[in-house]
Protein backbone atom coordinates (compact mmCIF):
# COMPACT_ATOMS: atom_id res chain seq x y z
CA MET A 1 19.08 -8.95 -22.80
CA ILE A 2 20.39 -12.50 -22.22
CA ILE A 3 21.36 -11.31 -18.21
CA LYS A 4 17.84 -9.93 -17.92
CA ILE A 5 15.72 -13.03 -19.44
CA LEU A 6 17.44 -14.99 -17.28
CA LEU A 7 17.38 -13.17 -13.59
CA THR A 8 14.05 -12.49 -14.81
CA ILE A 9 13.11 -16.32 -14.97
CA LEU A 10 15.01 -17.25 -11.97
CA PHE A 11 13.22 -14.36 -9.82
CA LEU A 12 10.07 -15.84 -10.70
CA ALA A 13 10.32 -19.44 -10.28
CA VAL A 14 11.46 -18.36 -6.80
CA MET A 15 8.63 -16.60 -6.08
CA ILE A 16 6.45 -19.86 -7.59
CA GLY A 17 8.60 -22.00 -5.78
CA VAL A 18 7.69 -20.10 -2.79
CA GLY A 19 4.20 -20.97 -3.10
CA LEU A 20 4.68 -24.49 -3.53
CA TYR A 21 6.70 -24.52 -0.24
CA THR A 22 3.98 -22.83 1.86
CA ARG A 23 0.61 -23.94 0.18
CA LYS A 24 0.05 -26.80 3.06
CA GLN A 25 0.15 -23.36 5.23
CA ALA A 26 -2.68 -22.36 3.58
CA GLY A 27 -5.35 -24.59 3.82
CA SER A 28 -7.30 -22.76 6.53
CA VAL A 29 -9.08 -19.37 6.30
CA GLU A 30 -6.61 -18.37 9.56
CA GLY A 31 -3.43 -19.77 7.65
CA PHE A 32 -4.31 -18.10 3.73
CA VAL A 33 -5.29 -14.57 5.50
CA LEU A 34 -2.73 -13.99 8.52
CA GLY A 35 -0.60 -17.14 8.49
CA GLY A 36 -1.87 -18.19 11.88
CA ARG A 37 -1.02 -15.54 13.47
CA ALA A 38 2.53 -16.53 13.84
CA VAL A 39 4.59 -14.60 11.17
CA GLY A 40 8.01 -13.28 12.68
CA PRO A 41 9.95 -9.66 12.97
CA TRP A 42 11.36 -9.34 9.89
CA LEU A 43 9.12 -11.22 7.80
CA THR A 44 6.51 -8.82 9.27
CA ALA A 45 8.67 -5.77 8.64
CA PHE A 46 9.55 -6.40 5.18
CA ALA A 47 6.05 -7.64 4.25
CA PHE A 48 5.16 -3.80 5.64
CA GLY A 49 7.48 -2.30 3.59
CA THR A 50 7.21 -4.07 0.06
CA SER A 51 3.64 -3.31 0.56
CA TYR A 52 3.54 0.44 0.98
CA PHE A 53 6.55 1.00 -1.89
CA SER A 54 5.67 -0.27 -5.35
CA ALA A 55 6.22 0.78 -9.43
CA VAL A 56 3.67 3.51 -7.99
CA VAL A 57 6.63 4.77 -5.71
CA PHE A 58 9.19 4.38 -8.02
CA VAL A 59 8.08 5.20 -11.79
CA GLY A 60 5.06 7.27 -10.95
CA TYR A 61 5.20 9.43 -7.42
CA ALA A 62 9.49 9.51 -7.93
CA GLY A 63 9.23 10.64 -11.26
CA GLN A 64 6.06 13.21 -11.12
CA PHE A 65 7.13 14.99 -7.23
CA GLY A 66 10.71 14.66 -8.19
CA TRP A 67 10.03 16.91 -11.43
CA LYS A 68 7.80 19.31 -9.19
CA TYR A 69 9.68 19.82 -6.13
CA GLY A 70 13.13 18.69 -7.30
CA LEU A 71 15.53 17.40 -4.25
CA SER A 72 13.12 18.54 -1.81
CA SER A 73 11.03 15.38 -2.84
CA THR A 74 13.42 13.49 -0.66
CA TRP A 75 11.26 14.68 2.14
CA ILE A 76 8.58 12.60 0.95
CA GLY A 77 10.59 9.79 1.23
CA VAL A 78 11.60 10.85 5.19
CA GLY A 79 7.63 11.74 5.91
CA ASN A 80 7.58 7.59 4.51
CA ALA A 81 9.92 6.22 6.93
CA VAL A 82 8.93 8.18 9.82
CA ILE A 83 5.41 8.60 9.80
CA GLY A 84 4.17 6.19 7.40
CA SER A 85 5.91 3.22 9.17
CA LEU A 86 7.60 4.20 12.76
CA LEU A 87 4.85 6.07 13.76
CA ALA A 88 2.34 3.53 12.24
CA TRP A 89 4.19 0.44 14.12
CA LEU A 90 3.85 2.36 16.82
CA ILE A 91 0.97 4.11 17.39
CA LEU A 92 -0.99 0.99 15.98
CA GLY A 93 1.24 -1.93 16.65
CA ARG A 94 0.33 -3.51 19.32
CA ARG A 95 -2.73 -2.11 20.04
CA THR A 96 -4.01 -3.52 16.22
CA LYS A 97 -2.38 -7.14 17.29
CA LEU A 98 -3.96 -7.38 21.21
CA MET A 99 -6.94 -6.18 20.26
CA THR A 100 -8.05 -7.94 16.67
CA GLN A 101 -6.86 -11.77 18.25
CA HIS A 102 -9.37 -10.40 21.28
CA ILE A 103 -12.45 -10.32 19.05
CA GLU A 104 -11.28 -12.77 16.82
CA SER A 105 -11.13 -10.08 13.57
CA ARG A 106 -9.08 -11.02 10.07
CA THR A 107 -10.07 -8.08 8.45
CA MET A 108 -10.85 -4.40 8.63
CA PRO A 109 -14.12 -4.45 7.88
CA ASP A 110 -14.62 -7.06 10.56
CA PHE A 111 -12.88 -5.00 13.19
CA PHE A 112 -15.64 -2.21 12.23
CA GLY A 113 -18.06 -4.62 12.58
CA THR A 114 -17.05 -6.06 15.70
CA ARG A 115 -15.69 -3.33 17.43
CA PHE A 116 -18.98 -1.08 17.06
CA ALA A 117 -20.92 -3.88 17.48
CA ASP A 118 -23.07 -3.05 13.49
CA GLN A 119 -22.46 -6.09 10.58
CA GLY A 120 -23.73 -2.80 8.63
CA LEU A 121 -20.16 -1.64 9.48
CA ARG A 122 -18.50 -4.33 8.45
CA VAL A 123 -20.43 -4.85 4.80
CA ALA A 124 -19.99 -1.43 4.54
CA ALA A 125 -16.48 -1.38 4.36
CA SER A 126 -15.89 -4.40 2.28
CA ILE A 127 -17.69 -2.66 -0.53
CA ILE A 128 -15.16 0.31 0.14
CA ALA A 129 -12.23 -1.94 0.66
CA PHE A 130 -12.86 -3.46 -2.80
CA VAL A 131 -13.52 -1.42 -4.70
CA PHE A 132 -10.61 1.68 -4.05
CA LEU A 133 -8.16 -1.53 -3.92
CA ILE A 134 -9.11 -1.64 -7.63
CA PRO A 135 -7.54 1.62 -9.12
CA TYR A 136 -4.42 1.76 -6.20
CA THR A 137 -3.76 -2.16 -8.31
CA ALA A 138 -3.85 -0.49 -11.58
CA GLY A 139 -2.13 2.02 -10.62
CA VAL A 140 0.62 -0.94 -9.76
CA TYR A 141 0.20 -2.78 -12.94
CA LYS A 142 0.96 0.69 -15.51
CA GLY A 143 3.91 1.15 -13.25
CA ILE A 144 5.61 -2.47 -13.55
CA SER A 145 4.49 -2.44 -17.14
CA THR A 146 6.52 1.10 -18.44
CA LEU A 147 9.47 -0.08 -16.60
CA PHE A 148 9.13 -3.38 -18.45
CA GLU A 149 8.75 -2.10 -21.47
CA MET A 150 11.48 -0.38 -21.21
CA GLY A 151 13.93 -3.03 -20.63
CA PHE A 152 12.80 -5.97 -22.48
CA GLY A 153 10.39 -4.26 -25.80
CA ILE A 154 8.08 -6.05 -24.51
CA PRO A 155 4.37 -4.32 -25.57
CA TYR A 156 3.17 -3.05 -22.16
CA GLU A 157 0.29 -5.27 -22.72
CA TYR A 158 1.80 -8.55 -22.23
CA CYS A 159 3.32 -7.51 -19.51
CA VAL A 160 0.11 -6.37 -17.53
CA VAL A 161 -1.43 -9.54 -18.07
CA ILE A 162 2.25 -11.37 -17.53
CA MET A 163 2.38 -9.92 -14.15
CA ALA A 164 -1.27 -10.33 -12.76
CA ILE A 165 -0.91 -14.25 -13.54
CA LEU A 166 2.60 -14.86 -11.93
CA THR A 167 1.26 -12.90 -8.91
CA ALA A 168 -2.42 -14.82 -9.08
CA VAL A 169 -0.38 -18.09 -8.82
CA TYR A 170 2.04 -17.66 -6.11
CA VAL A 171 -1.12 -15.73 -4.03
CA ILE A 172 -3.54 -18.10 -4.94
CA LEU A 173 -0.84 -21.78 -4.02
CA GLY A 174 0.31 -20.18 -0.82
CA GLY A 175 -1.32 -17.40 0.75
CA TYR A 176 0.18 -14.99 3.14
CA LYS A 177 2.77 -17.06 4.30
CA ALA A 178 3.77 -17.16 0.42
CA THR A 179 3.70 -13.01 0.26
CA ALA A 180 5.22 -12.76 3.70
CA VAL A 181 8.44 -15.03 2.23
CA ASN A 182 8.31 -13.55 -1.43
CA ASP A 183 7.98 -9.71 0.64
CA PHE A 184 11.27 -10.45 2.50
CA ILE A 185 13.53 -11.51 -0.72
CA GLN A 186 11.81 -8.69 -2.64
CA GLY A 187 12.54 -6.62 0.17
CA ILE A 188 16.19 -7.08 -0.05
CA ILE A 189 16.49 -6.73 -3.59
CA MET A 190 14.96 -3.32 -3.53
CA LEU A 191 17.86 -2.51 -0.99
CA PHE A 192 20.57 -3.53 -2.65
CA GLY A 193 18.81 -2.03 -5.82
CA ILE A 194 18.30 1.58 -5.54
CA VAL A 195 21.36 2.09 -3.97
CA ALA A 196 23.16 0.78 -6.90
CA ILE A 197 20.75 2.25 -9.19
CA ILE A 198 21.48 6.00 -7.21
CA VAL A 199 25.47 5.83 -7.44
CA ALA A 200 25.07 4.68 -10.85
CA VAL A 201 22.66 7.67 -12.07
CA LEU A 202 24.93 10.62 -10.14
CA ASN A 203 28.16 8.95 -11.57
CA ALA A 204 26.76 9.27 -15.48
CA GLN A 205 25.94 13.13 -14.39
CA GLY A 206 29.48 13.54 -12.64
CA GLY A 207 28.90 12.80 -9.41
CA LEU A 208 26.74 13.92 -6.48
CA THR A 209 28.05 17.47 -6.22
CA ALA A 210 27.61 18.26 -10.22
CA ALA A 211 24.47 16.50 -10.46
CA VAL A 212 22.80 19.15 -7.71
CA GLU A 213 24.81 21.75 -9.67
CA LYS A 214 23.44 21.35 -12.43
CA LEU A 215 20.08 20.88 -10.93
CA ALA A 216 20.36 24.29 -9.11
CA GLN A 217 21.03 26.38 -12.56
CA LEU A 218 17.85 25.20 -13.75
CA PRO A 219 14.76 28.07 -14.05
CA SER A 220 11.60 27.38 -11.53
CA ASP A 221 8.13 26.65 -13.43
CA ALA A 222 6.45 29.94 -11.69
CA ASP A 223 9.45 32.78 -12.35
CA ALA A 224 11.65 31.96 -15.49
CA THR A 225 13.89 34.64 -14.08
CA VAL A 226 14.30 32.31 -10.68
CA ASN A 227 17.21 29.63 -10.58
CA GLY A 228 17.75 27.32 -8.15
CA GLY A 229 14.13 26.05 -6.55
CA PHE A 230 14.22 22.57 -7.93
CA ALA A 231 17.72 22.06 -5.70
CA SER A 232 16.67 24.59 -2.56
CA TRP A 233 15.44 22.52 1.35
CA PHE A 234 12.44 23.55 0.37
CA GLY A 235 11.11 23.46 -3.21
CA PRO A 236 9.55 25.56 -5.22
CA ASP A 237 6.07 24.62 -3.13
CA PRO A 238 6.60 23.96 0.58
CA TRP A 239 2.91 23.33 0.94
CA GLY A 240 2.56 21.30 -1.87
CA LEU A 241 4.77 19.22 -0.95
CA LEU A 242 3.30 18.45 3.11
CA GLY A 243 0.03 18.23 0.79
CA VAL A 244 1.60 14.83 -0.43
CA VAL A 245 3.68 14.16 2.34
CA VAL A 246 0.15 13.79 4.21
CA LEU A 247 -0.90 11.61 1.82
CA THR A 248 1.71 9.25 1.29
CA SER A 249 2.84 8.75 4.66
CA LEU A 250 -0.36 8.84 6.90
CA GLY A 251 -2.47 7.38 4.79
CA THR A 252 -0.91 3.70 5.43
CA MET A 253 -2.17 3.64 8.95
CA GLY A 254 -5.97 3.45 7.21
CA LEU A 255 -5.07 1.19 4.74
CA PRO A 256 -6.80 -2.53 4.94
CA GLN A 257 -2.99 -4.19 2.93
CA MET A 258 -1.17 -2.34 5.19
CA VAL A 259 -2.78 -2.72 8.77
CA GLY A 260 -3.16 -6.27 8.02
CA LYS A 261 -0.04 -6.76 8.79
CA PHE A 262 -0.08 -6.45 12.37
CA TYR A 263 -2.96 -8.86 12.90
CA SER A 264 -0.32 -11.39 11.55
CA ILE A 265 2.94 -11.31 13.72
CA THR A 266 3.59 -13.33 16.25
CA ASP A 267 3.70 -11.01 19.66
CA GLU A 268 4.90 -8.11 21.38
CA SER A 269 8.56 -8.25 21.30
CA ALA A 270 8.60 -8.90 17.12
CA ILE A 271 6.34 -6.06 16.70
CA ARG A 272 9.34 -4.29 18.28
CA ARG A 273 11.85 -5.34 16.85
CA GLY A 274 9.31 -4.97 13.50
CA THR A 275 9.64 -1.00 14.30
CA ILE A 276 13.16 -0.86 13.64
CA ILE A 277 13.41 -3.12 10.82
CA SER A 278 10.38 -1.55 8.99
CA THR A 279 11.38 1.80 9.35
CA VAL A 280 15.66 1.35 8.47
CA PHE A 281 13.81 -0.12 5.39
CA ALA A 282 11.51 2.46 4.58
CA PHE A 283 14.42 5.21 4.96
CA VAL A 284 16.09 3.29 2.69
CA VAL A 285 13.89 2.78 -0.07
CA ALA A 286 11.07 5.34 0.47
CA GLY A 287 14.28 7.52 0.89
CA GLY A 288 16.54 6.73 -1.78
CA CYS A 289 13.68 6.55 -4.55
CA TYR A 290 12.55 9.99 -3.85
CA PHE A 291 15.75 11.09 -3.52
CA LEU A 292 16.90 9.70 -7.56
CA GLY A 293 13.45 11.25 -8.93
CA GLY A 294 14.70 14.77 -7.52
CA PHE A 295 17.10 14.82 -10.03
CA GLY A 296 14.57 14.03 -13.07
CA ARG A 297 14.48 18.05 -14.90
CA LEU A 298 18.74 16.69 -15.74
CA TYR A 299 16.50 14.47 -18.05
CA GLU A 300 14.59 14.66 -21.20
CA PRO A 301 10.91 13.81 -20.21
CA VAL A 302 8.25 12.19 -23.15
CA VAL A 303 5.75 14.71 -24.05
CA ALA A 304 2.24 14.12 -24.87
CA ASN A 305 -0.42 16.00 -26.20
CA GLY A 306 1.48 18.95 -25.01
CA LYS A 307 1.92 17.13 -21.48
CA ILE A 308 4.31 16.35 -20.13
CA ALA A 309 4.01 11.47 -19.16
CA PHE A 310 5.30 11.82 -15.98
CA ASP A 311 5.40 8.13 -15.33
CA SER A 312 8.51 8.08 -18.57
CA ILE A 313 10.04 10.49 -16.43
CA VAL A 314 12.63 7.43 -14.48
CA PRO A 315 12.30 5.26 -17.47
CA ALA A 316 14.20 8.04 -19.39
CA MET A 317 16.44 8.37 -16.32
CA LEU A 318 17.81 4.10 -15.89
CA VAL A 319 17.58 3.85 -20.41
CA THR A 320 21.50 4.71 -20.92
CA LEU A 321 22.31 2.40 -18.00
CA PRO A 322 24.34 -0.88 -18.64
CA ASP A 323 22.45 -3.91 -19.51
CA VAL A 324 23.32 -5.24 -16.24
CA LEU A 325 22.04 -2.31 -14.34
CA ILE A 326 18.49 -2.31 -16.08
CA ALA A 327 18.20 -5.47 -15.56
CA LEU A 328 18.63 -4.99 -11.60
CA VAL A 329 15.90 -1.93 -12.83
CA VAL A 330 13.63 -4.71 -13.46
CA LEU A 331 13.94 -6.40 -10.73
CA LEU A 332 13.72 -4.08 -8.31
CA VAL A 333 10.26 -3.05 -9.94
CA LEU A 334 9.29 -6.48 -9.81
CA SER A 335 9.58 -7.00 -6.36
CA ALA A 336 8.10 -4.01 -5.18
CA SER A 337 4.80 -4.48 -7.31
CA MET A 338 4.48 -8.02 -7.47
CA SER A 339 4.50 -7.83 -3.04
CA THR A 340 2.65 -5.01 -3.44
CA LEU A 341 0.10 -6.35 -6.09
CA ALA A 342 0.08 -10.42 -4.05
CA SER A 343 -0.97 -7.97 -0.40
CA LEU A 344 -3.52 -6.06 -2.31
CA VAL A 345 -5.39 -9.53 -4.48
CA LEU A 346 -5.39 -11.11 -1.19
CA THR A 347 -6.80 -8.43 1.26
CA SER A 348 -9.79 -7.90 -1.39
CA SER A 349 -10.57 -11.77 -2.06
CA SER A 350 -10.27 -12.07 1.77
CA THR A 351 -12.55 -9.14 2.81
CA MET A 352 -15.03 -10.19 0.46
CA THR A 353 -14.95 -13.36 1.13
CA LEU A 354 -15.04 -13.21 5.49
CA ASP A 355 -17.02 -10.05 5.37
CA LEU A 356 -19.74 -10.29 2.81
CA ILE A 357 -20.30 -13.83 1.69
CA TYR A 358 -19.14 -15.41 4.97
CA ARG A 359 -20.77 -12.92 6.85
CA ASP A 360 -20.67 -15.48 10.62
CA LYS A 361 -22.56 -13.96 13.75
CA LYS A 362 -20.22 -13.22 15.99
CA SER A 363 -19.90 -13.62 19.78
CA LEU A 364 -17.73 -10.91 21.62
CA PRO A 365 -15.10 -12.02 24.32
CA GLY A 366 -17.47 -13.11 27.23
CA GLU A 367 -20.66 -13.87 25.73
CA VAL A 368 -21.81 -17.21 25.34
CA GLU A 369 -22.32 -18.68 21.47
CA GLU A 370 -25.67 -19.79 19.63
CA GLY A 371 -25.39 -22.66 18.26
CA THR A 372 -22.65 -24.07 17.77
CA ILE A 373 -21.20 -26.28 14.92
CA ASP A 374 -19.73 -29.76 15.03
CA ASP A 375 -15.67 -29.91 14.09
CA VAL A 376 -16.76 -31.78 10.97
CA VAL A 377 -18.53 -29.21 9.32
CA ALA A 378 -16.28 -26.33 10.71
CA GLU A 379 -14.02 -27.68 8.55
CA LYS A 380 -15.95 -28.02 5.29
CA ILE A 381 -16.68 -24.51 5.23
CA GLU A 382 -12.95 -23.37 6.37
CA ARG A 383 -12.24 -24.94 3.55
CA ARG A 384 -15.04 -23.48 1.25
CA LYS A 385 -14.28 -20.07 2.12
CA VAL A 386 -10.45 -20.44 1.47
CA VAL A 387 -11.81 -21.85 -2.06
CA VAL A 388 -13.45 -19.05 -2.62
CA MET A 389 -11.49 -16.78 -1.78
CA ARG A 390 -8.78 -18.38 -4.23
CA VAL A 391 -11.51 -17.82 -6.75
CA LEU A 392 -12.23 -13.46 -6.22
CA ILE A 393 -8.81 -13.10 -6.22
CA MET A 394 -8.55 -13.94 -9.95
CA PHE A 395 -11.90 -12.40 -10.40
CA PHE A 396 -9.90 -8.97 -8.91
CA ILE A 397 -7.47 -9.10 -10.95
CA ALA A 398 -8.97 -9.73 -14.09
CA ILE A 399 -11.10 -6.18 -12.89
CA SER A 400 -8.14 -4.45 -12.28
CA LEU A 401 -6.65 -5.81 -15.18
CA LEU A 402 -9.29 -4.21 -17.92
CA ILE A 403 -8.65 -0.57 -15.56
CA ALA A 404 -4.53 -1.37 -16.15
CA LEU A 405 -5.11 -1.37 -20.17
CA ASN A 406 -6.77 1.55 -20.29
CA PRO A 407 -5.57 4.13 -17.69
CA PRO A 408 -7.49 6.79 -17.08
CA THR A 409 -5.21 9.22 -15.97
CA PHE A 410 -1.18 8.78 -14.18
CA ILE A 411 -0.10 6.87 -11.21
CA ALA A 412 0.00 9.41 -9.05
CA GLN A 413 -3.84 10.28 -9.42
CA LEU A 414 -4.60 6.84 -9.39
CA MET A 415 -2.90 6.29 -5.98
CA GLY A 416 -4.55 9.69 -4.37
CA ILE A 417 -7.98 8.29 -5.86
CA SER A 418 -7.47 5.26 -4.26
CA TRP A 419 -5.77 6.06 -0.80
CA GLY A 420 -7.37 9.22 -0.23
CA ALA A 421 -11.10 7.07 -0.14
CA LEU A 422 -9.72 4.06 1.88
CA ALA A 423 -7.68 6.14 4.60
CA GLY A 424 -10.17 9.06 4.19
CA ALA A 425 -13.14 6.69 5.58
CA PHE A 426 -10.77 3.86 7.74
CA LEU A 427 -8.03 6.06 9.26
CA ALA A 428 -9.39 8.03 12.12
CA PRO A 429 -12.16 5.17 13.31
CA PHE A 430 -9.53 2.64 13.44
CA MET A 431 -6.82 4.37 14.73
CA LEU A 432 -8.82 6.27 17.39
CA GLY A 433 -11.48 2.75 18.15
CA LEU A 434 -8.15 1.30 19.58
CA TYR A 435 -7.35 3.97 22.00
CA TRP A 436 -10.57 5.95 23.03
CA ARG A 437 -13.70 4.24 24.61
CA GLY A 438 -15.75 7.22 23.66
CA VAL A 439 -16.37 6.39 19.95
CA THR A 440 -19.74 5.95 18.26
CA THR A 441 -20.88 3.77 15.67
CA ALA A 442 -22.22 6.67 14.03
CA SER A 443 -19.38 8.38 13.44
CA VAL A 444 -17.67 5.57 12.66
CA TRP A 445 -20.77 6.09 9.15
CA ALA A 446 -19.52 9.02 9.29
CA CYS A 447 -16.33 9.05 8.18
CA PHE A 448 -17.33 6.73 5.71
CA ILE A 449 -19.74 9.02 4.30
CA TRP A 450 -17.13 11.65 4.57
CA GLY A 451 -13.58 9.80 3.26
CA VAL A 452 -15.77 7.92 -0.44
CA GLY A 453 -18.04 11.55 -1.19
CA ILE A 454 -15.35 14.05 -0.98
CA THR A 455 -13.04 11.63 -2.69
CA VAL A 456 -15.77 10.73 -5.30
CA VAL A 457 -17.80 14.34 -5.83
CA ASN A 458 -14.14 16.00 -6.19
CA MET A 459 -13.87 12.98 -9.16
CA LEU A 460 -16.71 13.83 -10.76
CA LEU A 461 -16.56 17.30 -10.77
CA GLY A 462 -13.40 17.10 -12.74
CA ASN A 463 -10.64 16.64 -9.84
CA PRO A 464 -11.09 20.80 -9.15
CA VAL A 465 -8.93 20.02 -6.15
CA ASN A 466 -6.13 17.74 -7.16
CA PRO A 467 -6.69 14.32 -6.47
CA ILE A 468 -3.29 13.95 -3.16
CA ASN A 469 -4.59 17.46 -1.88
CA CYS A 470 -7.89 16.02 -1.81
CA GLY A 471 -6.47 12.69 -0.18
CA ALA A 472 -5.09 14.60 2.05
CA ILE A 473 -8.03 16.47 3.07
CA ALA A 474 -9.88 13.50 3.47
CA MET A 475 -7.67 11.54 5.83
CA VAL A 476 -7.09 14.30 8.49
CA GLY A 477 -10.60 15.67 8.27
CA GLY A 478 -11.98 12.38 9.87
CA PHE A 479 -9.85 12.88 13.12
CA PRO A 480 -12.88 16.30 13.77
CA VAL A 481 -15.68 14.43 11.88
CA VAL A 482 -15.20 10.94 14.26
CA TRP A 483 -14.66 13.50 17.03
CA LEU A 484 -17.90 16.02 16.76
CA VAL A 485 -20.08 13.40 15.77
CA SER A 486 -19.26 10.76 18.63
CA LEU A 487 -19.83 13.87 21.35
CA LEU A 488 -23.46 14.74 19.93
CA SER A 489 -24.27 10.65 19.27
CA PRO A 490 -25.68 7.61 21.14
CA LYS A 491 -22.50 6.07 23.32
CA MET A 492 -22.26 2.49 22.66
CA ASP A 493 -23.19 0.40 25.41
CA SER A 494 -20.49 0.18 28.45
CA LYS A 495 -20.45 -2.97 29.10
CA VAL A 496 -19.22 -3.98 25.11
CA VAL A 497 -16.90 -1.83 24.96
CA ASN A 498 -14.92 -2.79 28.58
CA ARG A 499 -15.26 -6.12 26.99
CA ILE A 500 -13.50 -5.22 24.20
CA PHE A 501 -10.56 -3.02 26.12
CA GLU A 502 -10.20 -5.98 28.33
CA CYS A 503 -7.34 -7.03 26.14
CA TYR A 504 -5.08 -4.01 26.80
CA ARG A 505 -4.52 -5.53 30.54
């Protein structure tokens, strides 16, 4: 216990220290939200990866999908690395950096409002982002607190509150730069931690071969006379597995807190290096998490009200490890979760501040600005915006805390609702808006209604379609929605569109 406490205190002290060290760079909106658009490839790649993988993945997804699909759940991690990291950087990285800098966009809602010349889109997108990032944040709290409760014996409620306060402190102090530096430190812990834990768990089962043989002897849920499905290449339910791969991989390209990383990177050469770093990170962390979860059926989960508590599966695998390794597990999950929490609260507060409260009239490149203000007034407004963002960080954390203290469902379902609505609404118009001049304003509105509508209706009907599969449908379905509506609706002014696309010359 002394080792666990000392390591945790040291970790938290470093996080707060980074916040204090970077606070001078967080005085302006550009510095607080984007790190001055001068964050290097290593910091950006690790910020992308650590924001992607949190306790939601390590505890919730690895446990639930490892139990359901066995070793084939490792494909989810592979999909996360190839689609969610490699393709995300290749498809979005350069174009997002150039276009958002060209139109002076600081947030994803700001991008929609400026790119499609409709400030109503900016307001709608900011509301969607704020509302649906809350259940995701609650899921992260729940995951980290489950592990903390196992490692330290501290009640769940205390864990949630402590994590919220500590995350708020360093984000409020240093903004995006503090988050990026801490993400780098946390990412290194995650890389070493996941490898050490996999080795320890497999050794406890007699090695990799013995563990796979035990898994192969377990009967299928659908047919108790059939063994081996949980140790097969594609598991007992390949189509269900594909839905999870789509949701957890494709979704990153439509999430504000993920896409925002491309806004802040230094230049195009940094994007190329960041692509490689981020992909390797995802292979190790995501692949490792789901591979580990695939052995969950070799352990005894908690059963509550006749149902398996999926969030208890990974803790059950780890509780028998030596104390030093449990301390490493706690630091791994703490690292993964605090980085994601920091990214979520910073995204939410900046969106609300810049896209709702201080919604400045913007000029497109090449247009003459009307009524400029002097530098002194502009500086005061900038400082005021940063103060408002810091206040909203506390507000957002308070709301998500209330949900986390009374979580309505399993972690995986919380994340399915959040990712489904956000990526279902944002993914298609954002990606196509970077490449296709023919995307219309009406098609973006249609996709917003589609993504949020299908998720909310499914939820109100009691989730007749699994939230994870519903989220995958929302994301993929957004592309034909944008394409069809764009063909049938009035086109944007070609001069406006051409000025926006000049950035790629």
